[in-house]
Amino acid sequence: MFRGFAIRDLTILMATIGLWWLSLSAEPGTTLASVLSISAGVGAAICAYNLHEWGHLIGARLTHSVYVPAKRLISPFLFSYDAEHNTRKQFLIMSLAGFAATAVFLAAFLLWMPQDQQAGRIALRAAVFLAGLTVVFEFPIFFRTLFGTRVPRTGLFKGPTIGGRD
């Protein structure tokens, strides 16, 4: 079901590694080195985002949540969550799994991303930005659900999404 997304994301990861390696091989200070470094840094950020999304999917799968896979490989999301057929507990665990993945990539980038390389600086700053977006957009939904009684609507699920069972 998610084979295409796994292939897509592994391809992005391998391309990012290749770009990074090529950026280190290019003559420092050249336009080519800059383009390769920027591409590698952006690729690392995309990989971090993808890890966050895979974390949500793992949480949804572990709780046997109801969800629908994204229809297109270009989708920024792997799936759409069905608020009507999932419990608050399932939603909270699915959310926490995405947050855990974010924490993993943020810690890894902080500990191991080489800041003496342009690609590393771009990747780290993008990772911090993505983690910030998680805090701004996803934390309020998480806490509203944690202290509320319903699974929130996302507006992305194609089908009935009002409410949620508990």
N, C-alpha and C. Protein backbone atom coordinates (compact mmCIF):
# COMPACT_ATOMS: atom_id res chain seq x y z
N MET A 1 0.81 -1.19 0.00
CA MET A 1 0.00 0.00 0.00
C MET A 1 0.87 1.26 0.00
N PHE A 2 1.94 1.27 0.76
CA PHE A 2 2.80 2.44 0.83
C PHE A 2 4.15 2.22 0.15
N ARG A 3 4.22 1.18 -0.67
CA ARG A 3 5.46 0.84 -1.36
C ARG A 3 5.97 2.00 -2.22
N GLY A 4 5.07 2.62 -2.96
CA GLY A 4 5.45 3.74 -3.81
C GLY A 4 6.03 4.90 -3.02
N PHE A 5 5.44 5.17 -1.86
CA PHE A 5 5.96 6.25 -1.01
C PHE A 5 7.32 5.88 -0.43
N ALA A 6 7.49 4.62 -0.07
CA ALA A 6 8.79 4.18 0.45
C ALA A 6 9.86 4.31 -0.62
N ILE A 7 9.53 3.90 -1.83
CA ILE A 7 10.49 4.04 -2.94
C ILE A 7 10.79 5.51 -3.19
N ARG A 8 9.75 6.35 -3.20
CA ARG A 8 9.95 7.79 -3.40
C ARG A 8 10.89 8.36 -2.35
N ASP A 9 10.62 8.06 -1.09
CA ASP A 9 11.39 8.67 0.00
C ASP A 9 12.80 8.10 0.09
N LEU A 10 12.98 6.84 -0.22
CA LEU A 10 14.33 6.27 -0.26
C LEU A 10 15.12 6.84 -1.44
N THR A 11 14.44 7.10 -2.55
CA THR A 11 15.10 7.74 -3.69
C THR A 11 15.56 9.15 -3.33
N ILE A 12 14.71 9.89 -2.62
CA ILE A 12 15.09 11.23 -2.17
C ILE A 12 16.29 11.14 -1.22
N LEU A 13 16.27 10.18 -0.31
CA LEU A 13 17.38 9.99 0.62
C LEU A 13 18.68 9.67 -0.11
N MET A 14 18.62 8.75 -1.06
CA MET A 14 19.82 8.37 -1.80
C MET A 14 20.33 9.54 -2.66
N ALA A 15 19.41 10.28 -3.27
CA ALA A 15 19.81 11.44 -4.06
C ALA A 15 20.47 12.49 -3.16
N THR A 16 19.94 12.68 -1.97
CA THR A 16 20.51 13.64 -1.02
C THR A 16 21.92 13.22 -0.62
N ILE A 17 22.10 11.95 -0.34
CA ILE A 17 23.45 11.45 0.00
C ILE A 17 24.40 11.67 -1.17
N GLY A 18 23.93 11.37 -2.37
CA GLY A 18 24.76 11.57 -3.56
C GLY A 18 25.12 13.02 -3.78
N LEU A 19 24.15 13.92 -3.61
CA LEU A 19 24.41 15.35 -3.76
C LEU A 19 25.40 15.84 -2.71
N TRP A 20 25.24 15.32 -1.50
CA TRP A 20 26.15 15.72 -0.41
C TRP A 20 27.58 15.30 -0.76
N TRP A 21 27.72 14.05 -1.19
CA TRP A 21 29.04 13.53 -1.55
C TRP A 21 29.63 14.36 -2.69
N LEU A 22 28.82 14.64 -3.69
CA LEU A 22 29.30 15.45 -4.82
C LEU A 22 29.67 16.86 -4.37
N SER A 23 28.92 17.41 -3.43
CA SER A 23 29.24 18.77 -2.95
C SER A 23 30.60 18.80 -2.26
N LEU A 24 30.96 17.72 -1.61
CA LEU A 24 32.26 17.65 -0.94
C LEU A 24 33.39 17.44 -1.95
N SER A 25 33.04 16.86 -3.08
CA SER A 25 34.03 16.61 -4.13
C SER A 25 34.25 17.81 -5.05
N ALA A 26 33.31 18.72 -5.06
CA ALA A 26 33.40 19.89 -5.96
C ALA A 26 34.43 20.88 -5.43
N GLU A 27 34.97 21.64 -6.33
CA GLU A 27 35.94 22.68 -5.97
C GLU A 27 35.27 23.70 -5.05
N PRO A 28 35.78 23.89 -3.82
CA PRO A 28 35.16 24.83 -2.88
C PRO A 28 35.06 26.23 -3.46
N GLY A 29 33.95 26.89 -3.18
CA GLY A 29 33.74 28.26 -3.62
C GLY A 29 33.19 28.41 -5.02
N THR A 30 33.03 27.32 -5.72
CA THR A 30 32.50 27.40 -7.08
C THR A 30 30.98 27.39 -7.06
N THR A 31 30.41 27.82 -8.16
CA THR A 31 28.95 27.78 -8.30
C THR A 31 28.45 26.36 -8.18
N LEU A 32 29.17 25.43 -8.78
CA LEU A 32 28.77 24.02 -8.71
C LEU A 32 28.73 23.54 -7.26
N ALA A 33 29.75 23.86 -6.48
CA ALA A 33 29.78 23.45 -5.08
C ALA A 33 28.60 24.05 -4.32
N SER A 34 28.28 25.31 -4.60
CA SER A 34 27.15 25.96 -3.93
C SER A 34 25.83 25.30 -4.30
N VAL A 35 25.62 25.05 -5.59
CA VAL A 35 24.38 24.43 -6.04
C VAL A 35 24.23 23.04 -5.42
N LEU A 36 25.30 22.28 -5.42
CA LEU A 36 25.25 20.93 -4.85
C LEU A 36 25.00 20.98 -3.34
N SER A 37 25.64 21.92 -2.64
CA SER A 37 25.46 22.05 -1.19
C SER A 37 24.04 22.46 -0.84
N ILE A 38 23.52 23.44 -1.57
CA ILE A 38 22.15 23.88 -1.32
C ILE A 38 21.18 22.73 -1.59
N SER A 39 21.39 22.03 -2.68
CA SER A 39 20.52 20.89 -3.02
C SER A 39 20.59 19.81 -1.95
N ALA A 40 21.78 19.52 -1.46
CA ALA A 40 21.94 18.50 -0.41
C ALA A 40 21.27 18.94 0.88
N GLY A 41 21.42 20.20 1.24
CA GLY A 41 20.79 20.70 2.47
C GLY A 41 19.27 20.67 2.38
N VAL A 42 18.74 21.08 1.25
CA VAL A 42 17.29 21.03 1.05
C VAL A 42 16.82 19.57 1.02
N GLY A 43 17.58 18.71 0.39
CA GLY A 43 17.24 17.28 0.37
C GLY A 43 17.18 16.69 1.77
N ALA A 44 18.14 17.08 2.62
CA ALA A 44 18.15 16.60 4.00
C ALA A 44 16.90 17.08 4.74
N ALA A 45 16.49 18.32 4.48
CA ALA A 45 15.27 18.84 5.10
C ALA A 45 14.04 18.06 4.63
N ILE A 46 13.99 17.75 3.34
CA ILE A 46 12.88 16.96 2.82
C ILE A 46 12.87 15.58 3.48
N CYS A 47 14.03 14.99 3.65
CA CYS A 47 14.12 13.69 4.32
C CYS A 47 13.61 13.78 5.76
N ALA A 48 13.94 14.89 6.44
CA ALA A 48 13.47 15.08 7.81
C ALA A 48 11.94 15.17 7.84
N TYR A 49 11.38 15.93 6.91
CA TYR A 49 9.92 16.04 6.83
C TYR A 49 9.29 14.66 6.57
N ASN A 50 9.89 13.92 5.64
CA ASN A 50 9.37 12.59 5.33
C ASN A 50 9.41 11.68 6.55
N LEU A 51 10.48 11.77 7.33
CA LEU A 51 10.58 10.95 8.55
C LEU A 51 9.44 11.29 9.51
N HIS A 52 9.14 12.56 9.64
CA HIS A 52 8.03 13.00 10.49
C HIS A 52 6.72 12.34 10.02
N GLU A 53 6.47 12.37 8.73
CA GLU A 53 5.24 11.78 8.19
C GLU A 53 5.21 10.26 8.39
N TRP A 54 6.36 9.60 8.19
CA TRP A 54 6.42 8.15 8.42
C TRP A 54 6.19 7.85 9.90
N GLY A 55 6.63 8.73 10.78
CA GLY A 55 6.35 8.56 12.21
C GLY A 55 4.86 8.55 12.47
N HIS A 56 4.13 9.50 11.87
CA HIS A 56 2.67 9.51 12.02
C HIS A 56 2.07 8.21 11.50
N LEU A 57 2.54 7.74 10.35
CA LEU A 57 1.99 6.51 9.79
C LEU A 57 2.27 5.31 10.70
N ILE A 58 3.45 5.23 11.25
CA ILE A 58 3.77 4.14 12.18
C ILE A 58 2.83 4.17 13.37
N GLY A 59 2.60 5.38 13.91
CA GLY A 59 1.66 5.51 15.03
C GLY A 59 0.26 5.08 14.66
N ALA A 60 -0.18 5.45 13.47
CA ALA A 60 -1.51 5.05 13.01
C ALA A 60 -1.59 3.54 12.83
N ARG A 61 -0.56 2.95 12.27
CA ARG A 61 -0.57 1.50 12.05
C ARG A 61 -0.51 0.73 13.38
N LEU A 62 0.31 1.21 14.31
CA LEU A 62 0.43 0.52 15.60
C LEU A 62 -0.88 0.51 16.38
N THR A 63 -1.70 1.52 16.18
CA THR A 63 -2.97 1.61 16.90
C THR A 63 -4.14 1.08 16.06
N HIS A 64 -3.83 0.53 14.89
CA HIS A 64 -4.87 -0.01 14.00
C HIS A 64 -5.90 1.07 13.65
N SER A 65 -5.42 2.28 13.42
CA SER A 65 -6.29 3.39 13.05
C SER A 65 -6.83 3.21 11.64
N VAL A 66 -7.92 3.89 11.37
CA VAL A 66 -8.50 3.91 10.04
C VAL A 66 -7.93 5.14 9.32
N TYR A 67 -7.37 4.92 8.15
CA TYR A 67 -6.80 6.00 7.34
C TYR A 67 -6.83 5.59 5.89
N VAL A 68 -6.66 6.57 5.04
CA VAL A 68 -6.67 6.33 3.60
C VAL A 68 -5.33 6.80 3.05
N PRO A 69 -4.61 5.95 2.33
CA PRO A 69 -3.34 6.39 1.74
C PRO A 69 -3.56 7.55 0.78
N ALA A 70 -2.58 8.43 0.70
CA ALA A 70 -2.64 9.51 -0.28
C ALA A 70 -2.73 8.91 -1.67
N LYS A 71 -3.41 9.60 -2.53
CA LYS A 71 -3.65 9.07 -3.88
C LYS A 71 -2.50 9.32 -4.84
N ARG A 72 -1.70 10.36 -4.58
CA ARG A 72 -0.63 10.72 -5.50
C ARG A 72 0.71 10.73 -4.79
N LEU A 73 1.75 10.30 -5.47
CA LEU A 73 3.09 10.29 -4.90
C LEU A 73 3.63 11.68 -4.63
N ILE A 74 3.08 12.68 -5.26
CA ILE A 74 3.56 14.04 -5.01
C ILE A 74 2.91 14.66 -3.78
N SER A 75 2.03 13.93 -3.13
CA SER A 75 1.36 14.44 -1.93
C SER A 75 2.38 14.66 -0.81
N PRO A 76 2.26 15.76 -0.08
CA PRO A 76 3.17 15.96 1.07
C PRO A 76 2.81 15.07 2.24
N PHE A 77 1.63 14.47 2.22
CA PHE A 77 1.18 13.59 3.28
C PHE A 77 1.13 12.15 2.77
N LEU A 78 1.37 11.21 3.67
CA LEU A 78 1.30 9.80 3.29
C LEU A 78 -0.13 9.27 3.32
N PHE A 79 -0.95 9.86 4.18
CA PHE A 79 -2.30 9.34 4.37
C PHE A 79 -3.20 10.43 4.92
N SER A 80 -4.48 10.13 4.93
CA SER A 80 -5.48 10.99 5.53
C SER A 80 -6.15 10.22 6.65
N TYR A 81 -6.25 10.85 7.80
CA TYR A 81 -6.74 10.21 9.02
C TYR A 81 -8.25 10.34 9.12
N ASP A 82 -8.93 9.25 9.46
CA ASP A 82 -10.38 9.23 9.56
C ASP A 82 -10.81 9.52 11.00
N ALA A 83 -11.25 10.74 11.26
CA ALA A 83 -11.64 11.14 12.61
C ALA A 83 -12.89 10.43 13.10
N GLU A 84 -13.74 10.02 12.18
CA GLU A 84 -14.99 9.39 12.60
C GLU A 84 -14.79 7.98 13.16
N HIS A 85 -13.81 7.27 12.64
CA HIS A 85 -13.65 5.87 13.02
C HIS A 85 -12.47 5.60 13.95
N ASN A 86 -11.82 6.63 14.41
CA ASN A 86 -10.68 6.46 15.32
C ASN A 86 -10.97 7.11 16.66
N THR A 87 -10.33 6.59 17.69
CA THR A 87 -10.52 7.12 19.03
C THR A 87 -9.52 8.24 19.32
N ARG A 88 -9.78 8.94 20.41
CA ARG A 88 -8.83 9.97 20.85
C ARG A 88 -7.47 9.34 21.11
N LYS A 89 -7.47 8.19 21.76
CA LYS A 89 -6.20 7.51 22.09
C LYS A 89 -5.43 7.20 20.80
N GLN A 90 -6.09 6.70 19.80
CA GLN A 90 -5.43 6.40 18.53
C GLN A 90 -4.86 7.68 17.91
N PHE A 91 -5.63 8.76 17.95
CA PHE A 91 -5.15 10.02 17.39
C PHE A 91 -3.94 10.53 18.16
N LEU A 92 -4.00 10.47 19.48
CA LEU A 92 -2.90 10.98 20.29
C LEU A 92 -1.61 10.18 20.07
N ILE A 93 -1.74 8.87 19.96
CA ILE A 93 -0.55 8.03 19.71
C ILE A 93 -0.01 8.30 18.31
N MET A 94 -0.90 8.43 17.33
CA MET A 94 -0.46 8.75 15.97
C MET A 94 0.29 10.08 15.96
N SER A 95 -0.23 11.05 16.68
CA SER A 95 0.42 12.36 16.76
C SER A 95 1.77 12.26 17.45
N LEU A 96 1.81 11.57 18.59
CA LEU A 96 3.06 11.43 19.34
C LEU A 96 4.15 10.74 18.53
N ALA A 97 3.76 9.79 17.70
CA ALA A 97 4.75 9.10 16.87
C ALA A 97 5.39 10.07 15.88
N GLY A 98 4.61 10.97 15.31
CA GLY A 98 5.17 12.00 14.43
C GLY A 98 6.08 12.95 15.19
N PHE A 99 5.67 13.32 16.42
CA PHE A 99 6.50 14.20 17.24
C PHE A 99 7.82 13.50 17.60
N ALA A 100 7.75 12.21 17.89
CA ALA A 100 8.96 11.45 18.22
C ALA A 100 9.92 11.42 17.04
N ALA A 101 9.38 11.23 15.85
CA ALA A 101 10.22 11.24 14.65
C ALA A 101 10.87 12.61 14.46
N THR A 102 10.11 13.67 14.74
CA THR A 102 10.66 15.02 14.66
C THR A 102 11.79 15.19 15.67
N ALA A 103 11.59 14.71 16.87
CA ALA A 103 12.63 14.80 17.90
C ALA A 103 13.89 14.04 17.48
N VAL A 104 13.71 12.88 16.85
CA VAL A 104 14.85 12.09 16.39
C VAL A 104 15.63 12.85 15.33
N PHE A 105 14.95 13.38 14.30
CA PHE A 105 15.72 14.06 13.27
C PHE A 105 16.32 15.35 13.79
N LEU A 106 15.65 16.03 14.69
CA LEU A 106 16.21 17.26 15.23
C LEU A 106 17.45 16.96 16.07
N ALA A 107 17.39 15.94 16.91
CA ALA A 107 18.55 15.55 17.71
C ALA A 107 19.71 15.10 16.82
N ALA A 108 19.40 14.29 15.82
CA ALA A 108 20.45 13.81 14.92
C ALA A 108 21.09 14.96 14.17
N PHE A 109 20.28 15.90 13.70
CA PHE A 109 20.84 17.04 12.97
C PHE A 109 21.67 17.92 13.90
N LEU A 110 21.22 18.11 15.14
CA LEU A 110 21.98 18.93 16.09
C LEU A 110 23.30 18.27 16.46
N LEU A 111 23.29 16.96 16.60
CA LEU A 111 24.49 16.25 17.04
C LEU A 111 25.48 15.99 15.91
N TRP A 112 24.97 15.67 14.72
CA TRP A 112 25.87 15.16 13.69
C TRP A 112 25.93 15.96 12.39
N MET A 113 25.09 16.93 12.22
CA MET A 113 25.11 17.66 10.96
C MET A 113 26.31 18.61 10.96
N PRO A 114 27.23 18.44 10.01
CA PRO A 114 28.45 19.25 10.00
C PRO A 114 28.16 20.72 9.70
N GLN A 115 28.44 21.57 10.67
CA GLN A 115 28.15 22.99 10.51
C GLN A 115 29.25 23.75 9.78
N ASP A 116 30.32 23.05 9.46
CA ASP A 116 31.37 23.69 8.67
C ASP A 116 31.09 23.56 7.16
N GLN A 117 29.98 22.93 6.83
CA GLN A 117 29.58 22.76 5.43
C GLN A 117 28.26 23.48 5.20
N GLN A 118 28.14 24.11 4.07
CA GLN A 118 26.92 24.84 3.73
C GLN A 118 25.70 23.93 3.78
N ALA A 119 25.82 22.72 3.28
CA ALA A 119 24.70 21.78 3.28
C ALA A 119 24.26 21.48 4.71
N GLY A 120 25.21 21.32 5.60
CA GLY A 120 24.88 21.04 7.00
C GLY A 120 24.17 22.19 7.67
N ARG A 121 24.62 23.41 7.37
CA ARG A 121 23.97 24.59 7.96
C ARG A 121 22.54 24.73 7.43
N ILE A 122 22.36 24.51 6.15
CA ILE A 122 21.02 24.59 5.56
C ILE A 122 20.12 23.51 6.17
N ALA A 123 20.62 22.29 6.26
CA ALA A 123 19.83 21.18 6.78
C ALA A 123 19.42 21.43 8.23
N LEU A 124 20.34 21.89 9.05
CA LEU A 124 20.02 22.14 10.46
C LEU A 124 18.99 23.25 10.59
N ARG A 125 19.17 24.33 9.89
CA ARG A 125 18.21 25.43 9.99
C ARG A 125 16.83 25.01 9.47
N ALA A 126 16.81 24.24 8.42
CA ALA A 126 15.53 23.75 7.90
C ALA A 126 14.87 22.79 8.90
N ALA A 127 15.66 21.96 9.56
CA ALA A 127 15.12 21.03 10.55
C ALA A 127 14.52 21.80 11.73
N VAL A 128 15.20 22.83 12.18
CA VAL A 128 14.66 23.66 13.26
C VAL A 128 13.36 24.34 12.81
N PHE A 129 13.35 24.84 11.58
CA PHE A 129 12.15 25.46 11.03
C PHE A 129 10.99 24.46 10.97
N LEU A 130 11.26 23.25 10.48
CA LEU A 130 10.21 22.22 10.40
C LEU A 130 9.70 21.83 11.78
N ALA A 131 10.61 21.72 12.75
CA ALA A 131 10.18 21.42 14.11
C ALA A 131 9.31 22.56 14.65
N GLY A 132 9.67 23.79 14.29
CA GLY A 132 8.85 24.93 14.70
C GLY A 132 7.47 24.88 14.10
N LEU A 133 7.37 24.48 12.84
CA LEU A 133 6.06 24.34 12.21
C LEU A 133 5.23 23.27 12.93
N THR A 134 5.89 22.21 13.35
CA THR A 134 5.19 21.16 14.10
C THR A 134 4.61 21.74 15.39
N VAL A 135 5.39 22.53 16.08
CA VAL A 135 4.92 23.15 17.33
C VAL A 135 3.75 24.09 17.05
N VAL A 136 3.87 24.90 16.02
CA VAL A 136 2.84 25.90 15.73
C VAL A 136 1.54 25.27 15.23
N PHE A 137 1.65 24.28 14.34
CA PHE A 137 0.45 23.72 13.72
C PHE A 137 -0.08 22.46 14.40
N GLU A 138 0.80 21.58 14.82
CA GLU A 138 0.32 20.29 15.31
C GLU A 138 0.14 20.23 16.83
N PHE A 139 0.96 20.94 17.59
CA PHE A 139 0.81 20.90 19.05
C PHE A 139 -0.56 21.40 19.50
N PRO A 140 -1.07 22.53 18.97
CA PRO A 140 -2.39 22.97 19.43
C PRO A 140 -3.49 21.92 19.18
N ILE A 141 -3.42 21.26 18.03
CA ILE A 141 -4.41 20.21 17.73
C ILE A 141 -4.25 19.06 18.71
N PHE A 142 -3.01 18.68 18.97
CA PHE A 142 -2.74 17.59 19.91
C PHE A 142 -3.30 17.92 21.30
N PHE A 143 -2.99 19.12 21.81
CA PHE A 143 -3.42 19.47 23.16
C PHE A 143 -4.93 19.69 23.23
N ARG A 144 -5.52 20.20 22.17
CA ARG A 144 -6.98 20.33 22.14
C ARG A 144 -7.62 18.95 22.23
N THR A 145 -7.03 17.98 21.58
CA THR A 145 -7.54 16.60 21.63
C THR A 145 -7.26 15.97 22.98
N LEU A 146 -6.06 16.20 23.50
CA LEU A 146 -5.67 15.62 24.80
C LEU A 146 -6.63 16.07 25.90
N PHE A 147 -6.99 17.33 25.89
CA PHE A 147 -7.85 17.87 26.95
C PHE A 147 -9.32 17.96 26.53
N GLY A 148 -9.62 17.56 25.32
CA GLY A 148 -10.99 17.59 24.84
C GLY A 148 -11.60 16.21 24.82
N THR A 149 -12.65 16.08 24.02
CA THR A 149 -13.38 14.81 23.97
C THR A 149 -13.51 14.23 22.57
N ARG A 150 -13.02 14.96 21.57
CA ARG A 150 -13.23 14.51 20.19
C ARG A 150 -11.93 14.43 19.42
N VAL A 151 -11.96 13.60 18.40
CA VAL A 151 -10.86 13.53 17.45
C VAL A 151 -11.07 14.68 16.47
N PRO A 152 -10.06 15.51 16.23
CA PRO A 152 -10.26 16.68 15.37
C PRO A 152 -10.40 16.33 13.90
N ARG A 153 -11.14 17.15 13.21
CA ARG A 153 -11.24 17.04 11.75
C ARG A 153 -9.96 17.59 11.16
N THR A 154 -9.49 16.97 10.11
CA THR A 154 -8.33 17.51 9.40
C THR A 154 -8.74 18.20 8.12
N GLY A 155 -9.89 17.84 7.60
CA GLY A 155 -10.32 18.39 6.34
C GLY A 155 -9.69 17.69 5.16
N LEU A 156 -8.82 16.71 5.42
CA LEU A 156 -8.13 16.02 4.34
C LEU A 156 -8.76 14.68 4.00
N PHE A 157 -9.46 14.09 4.97
CA PHE A 157 -10.03 12.76 4.75
C PHE A 157 -11.21 12.87 3.80
N LYS A 158 -11.24 12.00 2.82
CA LYS A 158 -12.33 11.98 1.86
C LYS A 158 -13.42 11.06 2.39
N GLY A 159 -14.33 11.60 3.13
CA GLY A 159 -15.41 10.83 3.74
C GLY A 159 -15.86 11.55 4.98
N PRO A 160 -16.77 10.97 5.74
CA PRO A 160 -17.26 11.63 6.94
C PRO A 160 -16.16 11.76 7.98
N THR A 161 -15.95 12.96 8.50
CA THR A 161 -14.86 13.17 9.46
C THR A 161 -15.30 13.91 10.71
N ILE A 162 -16.58 14.10 10.90
CA ILE A 162 -17.03 14.84 12.08
C ILE A 162 -17.03 13.92 13.28
N GLY A 163 -16.52 14.44 14.38
CA GLY A 163 -16.58 13.70 15.63
C GLY A 163 -15.44 12.73 15.77
N GLY A 164 -15.74 11.58 16.22
CA GLY A 164 -14.76 10.56 16.54
C GLY A 164 -15.31 9.75 17.69
N ARG A 165 -15.00 8.50 17.74
CA ARG A 165 -15.55 7.68 18.81
C ARG A 165 -14.54 7.59 19.94
N ASP A 166 -15.01 7.30 21.11
CA ASP A 166 -14.12 7.12 22.27
C ASP A 166 -14.45 5.87 23.03
